[in-house]
């Protein structure tokens, strides 16, 4: 994983279905080649967490098993 400034204009960001409904707890994701990007929707121009796509898939699969 890495944290970096990311130019987001050409990415298709979407809000997590588990984000809070009051607009204070929103997480957004975008898929890039071989990476999944995660950011705080309130700080769209801020830091972006970049995770290997396979690691992200295993993380989501683990969540579904709970």
Protein backbone atom coordinates (compact mmCIF):
# COMPACT_ATOMS: atom_id res chain seq x y z
CA UNK A 1 0.00 0.00 0.00
CA UNK A 2 1.08 3.55 -0.53
CA UNK A 3 -0.19 7.05 0.06
CA UNK A 4 0.29 9.60 -2.69
CA UNK A 5 -1.25 12.64 -4.30
CA UNK A 6 -3.34 11.39 -7.20
CA UNK A 7 -4.68 13.31 -10.18
CA UNK A 8 -8.27 12.12 -10.16
CA UNK A 9 -9.84 13.87 -13.14
CA UNK A 10 -9.80 10.82 -15.44
CA UNK A 11 -10.87 8.24 -12.84
CA UNK A 12 -14.42 7.03 -12.22
CA UNK A 13 -14.84 7.47 -8.45
CA UNK A 14 -17.79 5.88 -6.65
CA UNK A 15 -18.98 6.05 -3.05
CA UNK A 16 -18.87 3.01 -0.85
CA UNK A 17 -22.28 1.49 -0.22
CA UNK A 18 -21.29 1.36 3.48
CA UNK A 19 -20.52 5.07 3.80
CA UNK A 20 -22.59 7.01 6.29
CA UNK A 21 -25.77 8.67 5.05
CA UNK A 22 -25.02 12.00 6.70
CA UNK A 23 -22.20 12.97 4.25
CA UNK A 24 -19.60 13.04 7.02
CA UNK A 25 -18.30 9.49 6.61
CA UNK A 26 -17.96 8.96 2.86
CA UNK A 27 -15.30 6.78 1.32
CA UNK A 28 -14.82 6.74 -2.45
CA UNK A 29 -13.03 4.17 -4.58
CA UNK A 30 -11.76 4.11 -8.15
CA UNK A 31 -10.22 1.34 -10.20
CA UNK A 32 -6.94 2.00 -11.98
CA UNK A 33 -4.81 -0.52 -13.86
CA UNK A 34 -3.66 -3.06 -11.25
CA UNK A 35 -4.61 -0.74 -8.36
CA UNK A 36 -7.68 0.15 -6.33
CA UNK A 37 -7.67 3.75 -5.09
CA UNK A 38 -9.45 4.89 -1.93
CA UNK A 39 -10.00 8.45 -0.73
CA UNK A 40 -12.04 10.58 1.65
CA UNK A 41 -14.83 12.15 -0.43
CA UNK A 42 -14.65 15.32 1.66
CA UNK A 43 -11.01 15.75 0.58
CA UNK A 44 -11.12 14.72 -3.07
CA UNK A 45 -7.89 16.60 -3.77
CA UNK A 46 -6.13 15.06 -0.77
CA UNK A 47 -4.22 11.85 -0.22
CA UNK A 48 -5.24 8.65 -1.98
CA UNK A 49 -4.60 5.16 -0.65
CA UNK A 50 -3.41 2.88 -3.45
CA UNK A 51 -3.87 -0.86 -2.94
CA UNK A 52 -2.91 -3.75 -5.20
CA UNK A 53 -6.08 -5.00 -6.93
CA UNK A 54 -5.59 -8.60 -5.79
CA UNK A 55 -5.05 -7.52 -2.18
CA UNK A 56 -8.21 -5.39 -2.37
CA UNK A 57 -10.21 -8.34 -3.75
CA UNK A 58 -9.03 -10.58 -0.89
CA UNK A 59 -9.95 -7.86 1.62
CA UNK A 60 -13.48 -7.52 0.19
CA UNK A 61 -13.90 -11.32 0.07
CA UNK A 62 -12.90 -11.51 3.74
CA UNK A 63 -15.50 -8.89 4.62
CA UNK A 64 -18.22 -10.84 2.83
CA UNK A 65 -17.41 -13.92 4.91
CA UNK A 66 -18.20 -12.12 8.18
